[in-house]
Amino acid sequence: MTSLIATSAEAAHSLAVSLLSKAQIQPGATIPEHSVKESAPDVLVPLKFSGRNVIVGVPGAFSGTCTVQIPGYIQNYDRFKAKGVNEVYVVAVNDAFTMKAWKEQLAPTGTGVRFMADDKGTFTSALGLMFDATPKFGAPRSKRYVIIADGDKAESLFIEEDPSKVTITDAETVLSHLA
């Protein structure tokens, strides 16, 4: 009986993640307004975009590939600013404590890059960028992506086919797409 319940739960879980991913955001689409958490688990921060912003979605804080990818954004923060970017956001389906600790580990002397906790995955789901990461992370997570936003519009979108790799979402590649 336990096996049947577990199998049914896994099937329902996969179906839910699949449905969330169907409406994947496209260039030119409006980025939905959502609140996430930044420095505390009980303080919501509305993501309202004005001007040009870069949103970097990652599957998980402290994971190997993510921890290799994000330092490029921290090190190149001034270059992003020089290209007219208002904010660089790193978003993960993690809690605020985890995102804050990860930021402190990656940038112990501070950084302008903002680490945002989408702890319930509502922002990521609204973008249609969730995937079933249960085998590795135990739950649905964000695909690895970058959105260059102009106001609330997705100007450019880079989504890794394999979320365990960084081929088109590294800081240098994204910088080369900013005029």
N, C-alpha and C. Protein backbone atom coordinates (compact mmCIF):
# COMPACT_ATOMS: atom_id res chain seq x y z
N MET A 1 0.82 -1.20 0.00
CA MET A 1 0.00 0.00 0.00
C MET A 1 0.87 1.27 0.00
N THR A 2 1.92 1.26 0.81
CA THR A 2 2.82 2.41 0.88
C THR A 2 3.43 2.70 -0.48
N SER A 3 3.80 1.63 -1.20
CA SER A 3 4.39 1.78 -2.53
C SER A 3 3.41 2.43 -3.50
N LEU A 4 2.15 2.03 -3.43
CA LEU A 4 1.13 2.60 -4.30
C LEU A 4 0.92 4.08 -4.02
N ILE A 5 0.89 4.44 -2.77
CA ILE A 5 0.72 5.85 -2.38
C ILE A 5 1.92 6.66 -2.85
N ALA A 6 3.12 6.14 -2.64
CA ALA A 6 4.33 6.86 -3.05
C ALA A 6 4.36 7.04 -4.56
N THR A 7 4.01 6.01 -5.31
CA THR A 7 4.00 6.09 -6.77
C THR A 7 2.97 7.12 -7.24
N SER A 8 1.80 7.10 -6.63
CA SER A 8 0.74 8.07 -6.98
C SER A 8 1.17 9.48 -6.67
N ALA A 9 1.81 9.67 -5.53
CA ALA A 9 2.28 11.01 -5.14
C ALA A 9 3.34 11.51 -6.12
N GLU A 10 4.25 10.63 -6.52
CA GLU A 10 5.28 11.02 -7.48
C GLU A 10 4.67 11.40 -8.83
N ALA A 11 3.68 10.65 -9.28
CA ALA A 11 3.02 10.94 -10.55
C ALA A 11 2.30 12.28 -10.48
N ALA A 12 1.60 12.54 -9.39
CA ALA A 12 0.90 13.81 -9.22
C ALA A 12 1.89 14.97 -9.17
N HIS A 13 2.99 14.76 -8.48
CA HIS A 13 4.04 15.78 -8.37
C HIS A 13 4.60 16.12 -9.75
N SER A 14 4.93 15.09 -10.54
CA SER A 14 5.46 15.31 -11.88
C SER A 14 4.46 16.02 -12.78
N LEU A 15 3.20 15.66 -12.67
CA LEU A 15 2.15 16.31 -13.46
C LEU A 15 2.04 17.79 -13.09
N ALA A 16 2.07 18.08 -11.80
CA ALA A 16 1.97 19.48 -11.34
C ALA A 16 3.12 20.31 -11.88
N VAL A 17 4.33 19.78 -11.80
CA VAL A 17 5.50 20.51 -12.31
C VAL A 17 5.39 20.69 -13.82
N SER A 18 4.95 19.67 -14.51
CA SER A 18 4.78 19.74 -15.96
C SER A 18 3.79 20.83 -16.33
N LEU A 19 2.67 20.90 -15.64
CA LEU A 19 1.66 21.92 -15.92
C LEU A 19 2.21 23.32 -15.64
N LEU A 20 3.02 23.46 -14.59
CA LEU A 20 3.60 24.76 -14.27
C LEU A 20 4.57 25.23 -15.36
N SER A 21 5.20 24.30 -16.03
CA SER A 21 6.21 24.64 -17.03
C SER A 21 5.64 24.89 -18.42
N LYS A 22 4.37 24.65 -18.63
CA LYS A 22 3.77 24.76 -19.96
C LYS A 22 3.78 26.19 -20.50
N ALA A 23 3.56 27.15 -19.65
CA ALA A 23 3.43 28.53 -20.10
C ALA A 23 4.75 29.29 -19.93
N GLN A 24 5.81 28.74 -20.48
CA GLN A 24 7.13 29.36 -20.32
C GLN A 24 7.16 30.75 -20.96
N ILE A 25 7.71 31.71 -20.23
CA ILE A 25 7.80 33.09 -20.69
C ILE A 25 8.60 33.15 -22.00
N GLN A 26 8.23 34.09 -22.85
CA GLN A 26 8.89 34.28 -24.14
C GLN A 26 9.38 35.73 -24.23
N PRO A 27 10.39 35.98 -25.06
CA PRO A 27 10.82 37.37 -25.25
C PRO A 27 9.64 38.25 -25.67
N GLY A 28 9.56 39.42 -25.08
CA GLY A 28 8.48 40.36 -25.35
C GLY A 28 7.32 40.25 -24.37
N ALA A 29 7.26 39.14 -23.64
CA ALA A 29 6.17 38.94 -22.68
C ALA A 29 6.38 39.77 -21.42
N THR A 30 5.29 40.01 -20.72
CA THR A 30 5.34 40.74 -19.46
C THR A 30 5.81 39.82 -18.34
N ILE A 31 6.74 40.30 -17.55
CA ILE A 31 7.20 39.57 -16.38
C ILE A 31 6.20 39.84 -15.27
N PRO A 32 5.59 38.80 -14.73
CA PRO A 32 4.55 39.01 -13.72
C PRO A 32 5.14 39.58 -12.43
N GLU A 33 4.37 40.47 -11.81
CA GLU A 33 4.77 41.04 -10.52
C GLU A 33 4.55 40.00 -9.43
N HIS A 34 5.57 39.75 -8.65
CA HIS A 34 5.48 38.82 -7.53
C HIS A 34 6.33 39.34 -6.40
N SER A 35 6.04 38.85 -5.22
CA SER A 35 6.87 39.18 -4.06
C SER A 35 7.71 37.97 -3.71
N VAL A 36 8.95 38.25 -3.34
CA VAL A 36 9.89 37.23 -2.91
C VAL A 36 10.49 37.70 -1.59
N LYS A 37 11.48 37.00 -1.10
CA LYS A 37 12.11 37.38 0.16
C LYS A 37 13.60 37.61 -0.09
N GLU A 38 14.16 38.57 0.64
CA GLU A 38 15.57 38.87 0.43
C GLU A 38 16.39 38.68 1.69
N SER A 39 16.08 39.39 2.73
CA SER A 39 16.93 39.34 3.92
C SER A 39 16.28 38.68 5.12
N ALA A 40 14.99 38.45 5.05
CA ALA A 40 14.29 37.85 6.19
C ALA A 40 13.10 37.03 5.70
N PRO A 41 12.77 35.96 6.41
CA PRO A 41 11.69 35.10 5.96
C PRO A 41 10.29 35.69 6.11
N ASP A 42 10.18 36.76 6.85
CA ASP A 42 8.87 37.36 7.09
C ASP A 42 8.71 38.72 6.43
N VAL A 43 9.63 39.06 5.52
CA VAL A 43 9.56 40.35 4.83
C VAL A 43 9.49 40.10 3.32
N LEU A 44 8.34 40.43 2.74
CA LEU A 44 8.16 40.26 1.30
C LEU A 44 8.70 41.47 0.56
N VAL A 45 9.38 41.21 -0.54
CA VAL A 45 9.93 42.25 -1.39
C VAL A 45 9.27 42.13 -2.76
N PRO A 46 8.48 43.13 -3.16
CA PRO A 46 7.84 43.03 -4.48
C PRO A 46 8.88 43.19 -5.59
N LEU A 47 8.83 42.29 -6.56
CA LEU A 47 9.71 42.42 -7.72
C LEU A 47 8.98 43.27 -8.75
N LYS A 48 9.30 44.55 -8.74
CA LYS A 48 8.76 45.50 -9.71
C LYS A 48 9.96 46.01 -10.49
N PHE A 49 9.93 45.80 -11.77
CA PHE A 49 11.09 46.14 -12.58
C PHE A 49 10.90 47.45 -13.31
N SER A 50 11.90 48.31 -13.21
CA SER A 50 11.92 49.53 -14.00
C SER A 50 13.31 49.64 -14.59
N GLY A 51 13.39 50.17 -15.79
CA GLY A 51 14.68 50.22 -16.47
C GLY A 51 15.11 48.82 -16.87
N ARG A 52 16.39 48.67 -17.02
CA ARG A 52 16.95 47.39 -17.47
C ARG A 52 17.46 46.60 -16.26
N ASN A 53 17.10 45.33 -16.19
CA ASN A 53 17.50 44.46 -15.10
C ASN A 53 17.88 43.10 -15.64
N VAL A 54 18.68 42.38 -14.89
CA VAL A 54 19.07 41.02 -15.23
C VAL A 54 18.60 40.12 -14.11
N ILE A 55 17.83 39.09 -14.48
CA ILE A 55 17.31 38.11 -13.54
C ILE A 55 17.98 36.78 -13.85
N VAL A 56 18.70 36.26 -12.87
CA VAL A 56 19.41 34.99 -13.03
C VAL A 56 18.70 33.95 -12.18
N GLY A 57 18.10 32.97 -12.82
CA GLY A 57 17.43 31.90 -12.10
C GLY A 57 18.34 30.69 -12.00
N VAL A 58 18.44 30.13 -10.80
CA VAL A 58 19.29 28.97 -10.58
C VAL A 58 18.51 27.88 -9.84
N PRO A 59 18.88 26.61 -10.07
CA PRO A 59 18.18 25.51 -9.40
C PRO A 59 18.36 25.48 -7.88
N GLY A 60 19.54 25.81 -7.37
CA GLY A 60 19.68 25.70 -5.92
C GLY A 60 20.91 26.38 -5.36
N ALA A 61 20.70 27.16 -4.33
CA ALA A 61 21.81 27.78 -3.61
C ALA A 61 22.74 26.69 -3.09
N PHE A 62 24.01 26.98 -3.07
CA PHE A 62 25.05 26.10 -2.57
C PHE A 62 25.31 24.88 -3.44
N SER A 63 24.53 24.68 -4.50
CA SER A 63 24.80 23.53 -5.37
C SER A 63 26.04 23.84 -6.20
N GLY A 64 26.72 22.80 -6.64
CA GLY A 64 28.01 22.97 -7.31
C GLY A 64 28.00 23.89 -8.51
N THR A 65 27.13 23.63 -9.47
CA THR A 65 27.11 24.43 -10.70
C THR A 65 26.70 25.86 -10.41
N CYS A 66 25.71 26.05 -9.55
CA CYS A 66 25.25 27.40 -9.22
C CYS A 66 26.35 28.20 -8.52
N THR A 67 27.09 27.53 -7.66
CA THR A 67 28.16 28.19 -6.92
C THR A 67 29.34 28.54 -7.82
N VAL A 68 29.44 27.88 -8.97
CA VAL A 68 30.46 28.24 -9.97
C VAL A 68 29.96 29.37 -10.86
N GLN A 69 28.67 29.38 -11.16
CA GLN A 69 28.09 30.36 -12.09
C GLN A 69 28.00 31.77 -11.48
N ILE A 70 27.48 31.90 -10.29
CA ILE A 70 27.13 33.20 -9.73
C ILE A 70 28.31 34.13 -9.44
N PRO A 71 29.48 33.63 -9.06
CA PRO A 71 30.60 34.57 -8.85
C PRO A 71 30.91 35.45 -10.06
N GLY A 72 30.63 34.97 -11.27
CA GLY A 72 30.83 35.80 -12.46
C GLY A 72 29.97 37.05 -12.44
N TYR A 73 28.77 36.93 -11.92
CA TYR A 73 27.88 38.09 -11.82
C TYR A 73 28.36 39.03 -10.72
N ILE A 74 28.86 38.49 -9.64
CA ILE A 74 29.38 39.31 -8.54
C ILE A 74 30.62 40.07 -9.02
N GLN A 75 31.55 39.37 -9.66
CA GLN A 75 32.79 39.98 -10.13
C GLN A 75 32.55 41.01 -11.22
N ASN A 76 31.51 40.83 -12.02
CA ASN A 76 31.23 41.73 -13.14
C ASN A 76 30.10 42.71 -12.86
N TYR A 77 29.73 42.85 -11.62
CA TYR A 77 28.60 43.72 -11.26
C TYR A 77 28.79 45.13 -11.82
N ASP A 78 29.97 45.70 -11.68
CA ASP A 78 30.22 47.06 -12.18
C ASP A 78 30.10 47.13 -13.71
N ARG A 79 30.46 46.08 -14.40
CA ARG A 79 30.31 46.05 -15.86
C ARG A 79 28.83 46.03 -16.25
N PHE A 80 28.01 45.30 -15.49
CA PHE A 80 26.57 45.31 -15.74
C PHE A 80 26.01 46.72 -15.52
N LYS A 81 26.44 47.35 -14.45
CA LYS A 81 25.98 48.72 -14.15
C LYS A 81 26.40 49.68 -15.27
N ALA A 82 27.64 49.53 -15.77
CA ALA A 82 28.15 50.39 -16.84
C ALA A 82 27.36 50.21 -18.13
N LYS A 83 26.72 49.06 -18.30
CA LYS A 83 25.90 48.81 -19.49
C LYS A 83 24.45 49.20 -19.26
N GLY A 84 24.17 49.91 -18.17
CA GLY A 84 22.83 50.43 -17.93
C GLY A 84 21.89 49.52 -17.18
N VAL A 85 22.42 48.48 -16.55
CA VAL A 85 21.58 47.56 -15.78
C VAL A 85 21.35 48.15 -14.39
N ASN A 86 20.08 48.27 -14.00
CA ASN A 86 19.74 48.80 -12.67
C ASN A 86 20.06 47.80 -11.57
N GLU A 87 19.56 46.56 -11.74
CA GLU A 87 19.73 45.53 -10.72
C GLU A 87 20.09 44.20 -11.38
N VAL A 88 20.89 43.41 -10.66
CA VAL A 88 21.14 42.03 -11.02
C VAL A 88 20.56 41.21 -9.88
N TYR A 89 19.59 40.36 -10.22
CA TYR A 89 18.91 39.51 -9.23
C TYR A 89 19.31 38.06 -9.45
N VAL A 90 19.60 37.36 -8.37
CA VAL A 90 19.77 35.91 -8.40
C VAL A 90 18.56 35.35 -7.67
N VAL A 91 17.79 34.51 -8.37
CA VAL A 91 16.56 33.97 -7.81
C VAL A 91 16.65 32.44 -7.76
N ALA A 92 16.31 31.88 -6.60
CA ALA A 92 16.28 30.42 -6.46
C ALA A 92 15.07 30.03 -5.62
N VAL A 93 14.59 28.81 -5.85
CA VAL A 93 13.51 28.28 -5.03
C VAL A 93 14.16 27.70 -3.77
N ASN A 94 14.55 28.63 -2.90
CA ASN A 94 15.16 28.33 -1.61
C ASN A 94 14.57 29.31 -0.60
N ASP A 95 14.82 29.06 0.68
CA ASP A 95 14.33 29.98 1.71
C ASP A 95 15.28 31.16 1.88
N ALA A 96 14.80 32.19 2.56
CA ALA A 96 15.58 33.42 2.74
C ALA A 96 16.86 33.19 3.53
N PHE A 97 16.83 32.30 4.53
CA PHE A 97 18.03 32.01 5.31
C PHE A 97 19.13 31.44 4.42
N THR A 98 18.74 30.51 3.55
CA THR A 98 19.69 29.86 2.66
C THR A 98 20.27 30.86 1.66
N MET A 99 19.43 31.68 1.07
CA MET A 99 19.91 32.65 0.09
C MET A 99 20.83 33.69 0.73
N LYS A 100 20.49 34.12 1.94
CA LYS A 100 21.34 35.09 2.65
C LYS A 100 22.70 34.47 2.97
N ALA A 101 22.70 33.23 3.45
CA ALA A 101 23.97 32.55 3.78
C ALA A 101 24.81 32.32 2.53
N TRP A 102 24.16 31.98 1.41
CA TRP A 102 24.88 31.76 0.16
C TRP A 102 25.52 33.06 -0.32
N LYS A 103 24.78 34.15 -0.23
CA LYS A 103 25.31 35.46 -0.62
C LYS A 103 26.53 35.80 0.24
N GLU A 104 26.42 35.57 1.54
CA GLU A 104 27.54 35.88 2.44
C GLU A 104 28.76 35.02 2.14
N GLN A 105 28.52 33.77 1.73
CA GLN A 105 29.65 32.91 1.37
C GLN A 105 30.31 33.37 0.07
N LEU A 106 29.49 33.71 -0.93
CA LEU A 106 30.04 34.09 -2.23
C LEU A 106 30.60 35.50 -2.26
N ALA A 107 30.07 36.38 -1.42
CA ALA A 107 30.51 37.79 -1.41
C ALA A 107 30.67 38.26 0.04
N PRO A 108 31.68 37.73 0.74
CA PRO A 108 31.84 38.08 2.16
C PRO A 108 32.07 39.56 2.43
N THR A 109 32.56 40.29 1.43
CA THR A 109 32.76 41.73 1.62
C THR A 109 31.61 42.55 1.04
N GLY A 110 30.57 41.86 0.57
CA GLY A 110 29.40 42.54 0.04
C GLY A 110 29.36 42.57 -1.48
N THR A 111 28.17 42.81 -2.01
CA THR A 111 27.95 42.90 -3.45
C THR A 111 26.63 43.62 -3.70
N GLY A 112 26.52 44.23 -4.85
CA GLY A 112 25.26 44.85 -5.25
C GLY A 112 24.28 43.83 -5.83
N VAL A 113 24.77 42.63 -6.16
CA VAL A 113 23.89 41.58 -6.68
C VAL A 113 22.92 41.20 -5.58
N ARG A 114 21.64 41.13 -5.93
CA ARG A 114 20.60 40.83 -4.94
C ARG A 114 20.20 39.36 -5.02
N PHE A 115 20.20 38.69 -3.90
CA PHE A 115 19.86 37.28 -3.81
C PHE A 115 18.45 37.16 -3.28
N MET A 116 17.55 36.64 -4.11
CA MET A 116 16.12 36.62 -3.80
C MET A 116 15.64 35.18 -3.60
N ALA A 117 14.90 34.98 -2.50
CA ALA A 117 14.35 33.67 -2.18
C ALA A 117 12.91 33.58 -2.68
N ASP A 118 12.71 32.73 -3.65
CA ASP A 118 11.37 32.42 -4.16
C ASP A 118 10.95 31.12 -3.47
N ASP A 119 10.79 31.19 -2.16
CA ASP A 119 10.68 29.98 -1.34
C ASP A 119 9.51 29.07 -1.70
N LYS A 120 8.46 29.60 -2.23
CA LYS A 120 7.32 28.76 -2.63
C LYS A 120 7.30 28.52 -4.15
N GLY A 121 8.23 29.13 -4.86
CA GLY A 121 8.32 28.95 -6.30
C GLY A 121 7.24 29.68 -7.09
N THR A 122 6.58 30.65 -6.48
CA THR A 122 5.48 31.34 -7.17
C THR A 122 5.97 32.21 -8.32
N PHE A 123 7.07 32.92 -8.13
CA PHE A 123 7.62 33.75 -9.20
C PHE A 123 8.11 32.86 -10.34
N THR A 124 8.89 31.85 -9.99
CA THR A 124 9.45 30.93 -10.99
C THR A 124 8.33 30.22 -11.75
N SER A 125 7.29 29.79 -11.04
CA SER A 125 6.14 29.13 -11.69
C SER A 125 5.43 30.08 -12.63
N ALA A 126 5.26 31.34 -12.20
CA ALA A 126 4.58 32.32 -13.05
C ALA A 126 5.35 32.56 -14.35
N LEU A 127 6.67 32.38 -14.30
CA LEU A 127 7.49 32.51 -15.50
C LEU A 127 7.45 31.24 -16.35
N GLY A 128 6.90 30.15 -15.78
CA GLY A 128 6.89 28.87 -16.48
C GLY A 128 8.25 28.23 -16.54
N LEU A 129 9.08 28.50 -15.52
CA LEU A 129 10.47 28.04 -15.55
C LEU A 129 10.81 27.06 -14.43
N MET A 130 9.81 26.31 -13.96
CA MET A 130 10.04 25.25 -12.98
C MET A 130 10.33 23.96 -13.71
N PHE A 131 11.08 23.07 -13.05
CA PHE A 131 11.24 21.72 -13.56
C PHE A 131 11.26 20.76 -12.38
N ASP A 132 11.01 19.51 -12.66
CA ASP A 132 10.96 18.52 -11.60
C ASP A 132 12.39 18.11 -11.23
N ALA A 133 12.90 18.67 -10.17
CA ALA A 133 14.25 18.39 -9.70
C ALA A 133 14.24 17.43 -8.52
N THR A 134 13.16 16.69 -8.38
CA THR A 134 13.01 15.78 -7.25
C THR A 134 14.18 14.81 -7.11
N PRO A 135 14.68 14.20 -8.18
CA PRO A 135 15.78 13.25 -8.00
C PRO A 135 17.02 13.87 -7.33
N LYS A 136 17.30 15.12 -7.61
CA LYS A 136 18.52 15.74 -7.06
C LYS A 136 18.24 16.63 -5.86
N PHE A 137 17.17 17.42 -5.91
CA PHE A 137 16.89 18.40 -4.87
C PHE A 137 15.68 18.06 -4.00
N GLY A 138 14.95 17.02 -4.37
CA GLY A 138 13.81 16.58 -3.56
C GLY A 138 12.51 17.33 -3.81
N ALA A 139 12.53 18.26 -4.74
CA ALA A 139 11.33 19.07 -5.01
C ALA A 139 11.51 19.80 -6.34
N PRO A 140 10.43 20.40 -6.85
CA PRO A 140 10.56 21.23 -8.06
C PRO A 140 11.50 22.40 -7.81
N ARG A 141 12.25 22.77 -8.81
CA ARG A 141 13.18 23.89 -8.71
C ARG A 141 13.14 24.71 -10.00
N SER A 142 13.86 25.80 -9.97
CA SER A 142 13.96 26.68 -11.12
C SER A 142 14.89 26.10 -12.16
N LYS A 143 14.49 26.26 -13.42
CA LYS A 143 15.44 25.99 -14.50
C LYS A 143 16.57 27.00 -14.37
N ARG A 144 17.69 26.72 -15.00
CA ARG A 144 18.79 27.69 -15.03
C ARG A 144 18.52 28.62 -16.21
N TYR A 145 18.31 29.90 -15.90
CA TYR A 145 17.94 30.85 -16.94
C TYR A 145 18.47 32.25 -16.61
N VAL A 146 18.45 33.10 -17.63
CA VAL A 146 18.70 34.53 -17.45
C VAL A 146 17.67 35.27 -18.29
N ILE A 147 17.07 36.28 -17.69
CA ILE A 147 16.18 37.18 -18.41
C ILE A 147 16.81 38.57 -18.36
N ILE A 148 16.97 39.16 -19.52
CA ILE A 148 17.31 40.58 -19.58
C ILE A 148 15.97 41.28 -19.73
N ALA A 149 15.63 42.09 -18.75
CA ALA A 149 14.33 42.75 -18.73
C ALA A 149 14.48 44.23 -19.01
N ASP A 150 13.54 44.75 -19.77
CA ASP A 150 13.42 46.19 -19.99
C ASP A 150 12.08 46.57 -19.39
N GLY A 151 12.11 47.19 -18.23
CA GLY A 151 10.88 47.41 -17.49
C GLY A 151 10.32 46.05 -17.11
N ASP A 152 9.03 45.86 -17.34
CA ASP A 152 8.42 44.58 -17.00
C ASP A 152 8.33 43.63 -18.20
N LYS A 153 9.11 43.91 -19.24
CA LYS A 153 9.11 43.06 -20.44
C LYS A 153 10.40 42.24 -20.52
N ALA A 154 10.25 40.98 -20.89
CA ALA A 154 11.41 40.10 -21.10
C ALA A 154 12.01 40.45 -22.46
N GLU A 155 13.12 41.15 -22.44
CA GLU A 155 13.79 41.56 -23.68
C GLU A 155 14.51 40.38 -24.32
N SER A 156 15.30 39.67 -23.52
CA SER A 156 16.04 38.49 -23.99
C SER A 156 15.91 37.40 -22.94
N LEU A 157 15.96 36.16 -23.40
CA LEU A 157 15.78 35.02 -22.51
C LEU A 157 16.79 33.95 -22.89
N PHE A 158 17.52 33.46 -21.88
CA PHE A 158 18.51 32.40 -22.07
C PHE A 158 18.15 31.29 -21.09
N ILE A 159 17.85 30.10 -21.61
CA ILE A 159 17.47 28.97 -20.76
C ILE A 159 18.39 27.80 -21.10
N GLU A 160 19.04 27.28 -20.09
CA GLU A 160 19.91 26.11 -20.29
C GLU A 160 19.04 24.88 -20.54
N GLU A 161 19.35 24.12 -21.57
CA GLU A 161 18.63 22.87 -21.82
C GLU A 161 18.90 21.87 -20.71
N ASP A 162 20.10 21.85 -20.22
CA ASP A 162 20.49 20.97 -19.11
C ASP A 162 20.82 21.87 -17.92
N PRO A 163 19.96 21.87 -16.88
CA PRO A 163 20.19 22.78 -15.76
C PRO A 163 21.46 22.49 -14.96
N SER A 164 22.12 21.37 -15.24
CA SER A 164 23.36 21.08 -14.53
C SER A 164 24.57 21.70 -15.22
N LYS A 165 24.32 22.42 -16.32
CA LYS A 165 25.43 23.03 -17.08
C LYS A 165 25.21 24.53 -17.25
N VAL A 166 26.31 25.24 -17.43
CA VAL A 166 26.28 26.67 -17.71
C VAL A 166 26.95 26.86 -19.07
N THR A 167 26.13 27.06 -20.11
CA THR A 167 26.67 27.26 -21.45
C THR A 167 26.30 28.62 -22.02
N ILE A 168 25.08 29.11 -21.68
CA ILE A 168 24.60 30.38 -22.23
C ILE A 168 24.15 31.36 -21.14
N THR A 169 24.27 30.96 -19.87
CA THR A 169 23.79 31.81 -18.77
C THR A 169 24.92 32.35 -17.89
N ASP A 170 26.14 32.26 -18.37
CA ASP A 170 27.26 32.81 -17.61
C ASP A 170 27.29 34.33 -17.80
N ALA A 171 27.94 35.02 -16.90
CA ALA A 171 27.95 36.48 -16.90
C ALA A 171 28.55 37.06 -18.18
N GLU A 172 29.63 36.49 -18.67
CA GLU A 172 30.27 37.02 -19.88
C GLU A 172 29.34 36.94 -21.09
N THR A 173 28.64 35.84 -21.26
CA THR A 173 27.71 35.69 -22.38
C THR A 173 26.59 36.70 -22.27
N VAL A 174 26.03 36.87 -21.09
CA VAL A 174 24.94 37.83 -20.90
C VAL A 174 25.45 39.25 -21.14
N LEU A 175 26.63 39.58 -20.64
CA LEU A 175 27.19 40.91 -20.89
C LEU A 175 27.34 41.18 -22.39
N SER A 176 27.69 40.16 -23.16
CA SER A 176 27.88 40.36 -24.60
C SER A 176 26.55 40.66 -25.32
N HIS A 177 25.43 40.37 -24.68
CA HIS A 177 24.11 40.66 -25.27
C HIS A 177 23.55 42.02 -24.84
N LEU A 178 24.24 42.69 -23.96
CA LEU A 178 23.80 44.02 -23.52
C LEU A 178 24.46 45.07 -24.38
N ALA A 179 23.67 45.90 -25.01
CA ALA A 179 24.21 46.95 -25.90
C ALA A 179 24.81 48.08 -25.09
